């Protein structure tokens, strides 16, 4: 099967506003809403956190 790489991360403005955790939780909740509770589907998901400072500011 196919593996999904789901990248989460915040914008510079979100980081400056100290909203990093809230932003990433919202992104993960959106993913969970799409995938649901199926353990089989989650086996094919990789979650990668890309903080804004690691990709250039």
C-alpha atoms as a PDB file:
ATOM      1  CA  UNK A   1       0.000   0.000   0.000  1.00  0.00           C
ATOM      2  CA  UNK A   2       0.844   3.640  -0.038  1.00  0.00           C
ATOM      3  CA  UNK A   3       2.407   5.475   2.898  1.00  0.00           C
ATOM      4  CA  UNK A   4       1.226   8.981   3.694  1.00  0.00           C
ATOM      5  CA  UNK A   5       3.701  11.502   5.106  1.00  0.00           C
ATOM      6  CA  UNK A   6       1.703  14.157   6.942  1.00  0.00           C
ATOM      7  CA  UNK A   7       3.773  17.254   7.692  1.00  0.00           C
ATOM      8  CA  UNK A   8       2.679  19.573  10.469  1.00  0.00           C
ATOM      9  CA  UNK A   9       4.104  22.925  11.382  1.00  0.00           C
ATOM     10  CA  UNK A  10       3.414  26.496  12.257  1.00  0.00           C
ATOM     11  CA  UNK A  11       3.967  29.767  10.445  1.00  0.00           C
ATOM     12  CA  UNK A  12       6.375  32.373  11.747  1.00  0.00           C
ATOM     13  CA  UNK A  13       3.467  34.507  12.960  1.00  0.00           C
ATOM     14  CA  UNK A  14       1.947  31.543  14.806  1.00  0.00           C
ATOM     15  CA  UNK A  15       5.292  30.800  16.460  1.00  0.00           C
ATOM     16  CA  UNK A  16       5.776  34.429  17.496  1.00  0.00           C
ATOM     17  CA  UNK A  17       2.281  34.371  19.020  1.00  0.00           C
ATOM     18  CA  UNK A  18       3.230  31.224  21.003  1.00  0.00           C
ATOM     19  CA  UNK A  19       0.548  29.207  19.214  1.00  0.00           C
ATOM     20  CA  UNK A  20       2.784  26.369  18.032  1.00  0.00           C
ATOM     21  CA  UNK A  21       1.123  23.662  20.129  1.00  0.00           C
ATOM     22  CA  UNK A  22      -2.426  24.754  19.319  1.00  0.00           C
ATOM     23  CA  UNK A  23      -1.700  24.936  15.589  1.00  0.00           C
ATOM     24  CA  UNK A  24      -0.139  21.479  15.468  1.00  0.00           C
ATOM     25  CA  UNK A  25      -2.907  19.929  17.557  1.00  0.00           C
ATOM     26  CA  UNK A  26      -5.494  21.394  15.179  1.00  0.00           C
ATOM     27  CA  UNK A  27      -3.631  19.950  12.193  1.00  0.00           C
ATOM     28  CA  UNK A  28      -3.444  16.515  13.812  1.00  0.00           C
ATOM     29  CA  UNK A  29      -7.127  16.634  14.763  1.00  0.00           C
ATOM     30  CA  UNK A  30      -7.981  17.399  11.126  1.00  0.00           C
ATOM     31  CA  UNK A  31      -5.948  14.365  10.056  1.00  0.00           C
ATOM     32  CA  UNK A  32      -7.695  12.178  12.636  1.00  0.00           C
ATOM     33  CA  UNK A  33     -11.074  13.380  11.364  1.00  0.00           C
ATOM     34  CA  UNK A  34     -10.144  12.280   7.837  1.00  0.00           C
ATOM     35  CA  UNK A  35      -8.596   8.917   8.753  1.00  0.00           C
ATOM     36  CA  UNK A  36     -10.853   7.963  11.640  1.00  0.00           C
ATOM     37  CA  UNK A  37     -10.112   5.266  14.192  1.00  0.00           C
ATOM     38  CA  UNK A  38      -8.964   2.525  11.819  1.00  0.00           C
ATOM     39  CA  UNK A  39      -5.676   1.118  13.113  1.00  0.00           C
ATOM     40  CA  UNK A  40      -5.064  -0.368   9.680  1.00  0.00           C
ATOM     41  CA  UNK A  41      -5.158   3.059   8.020  1.00  0.00           C
ATOM     42  CA  UNK A  42      -2.946   4.629  10.704  1.00  0.00           C
ATOM     43  CA  UNK A  43      -0.292   1.974  10.041  1.00  0.00           C
ATOM     44  CA  UNK A  44       0.389   3.732   6.730  1.00  0.00           C
ATOM     45  CA  UNK A  45       0.781   7.246   8.151  1.00  0.00           C
ATOM     46  CA  UNK A  46       4.042   8.949   9.095  1.00  0.00           C
ATOM     47  CA  UNK A  47       3.762  12.263  10.929  1.00  0.00           C
ATOM     48  CA  UNK A  48       6.602  14.744  10.475  1.00  0.00           C
ATOM     49  CA  UNK A  49       6.819  17.957  12.458  1.00  0.00           C
ATOM     50  CA  UNK A  50       8.564  20.742  10.544  1.00  0.00           C
ATOM     51  CA  UNK A  51       9.087  23.710  12.847  1.00  0.00           C
ATOM     52  CA  UNK A  52       9.202  27.020  11.028  1.00  0.00           C
ATOM     53  CA  UNK A  53      12.751  27.684  12.232  1.00  0.00           C
ATOM     54  CA  UNK A  54      14.022  24.499  10.536  1.00  0.00           C
ATOM     55  CA  UNK A  55      12.811  25.427   7.046  1.00  0.00           C
ATOM     56  CA  UNK A  56      13.891  29.043   6.979  1.00  0.00           C
ATOM     57  CA  UNK A  57      12.510  32.241   8.388  1.00  0.00           C
END
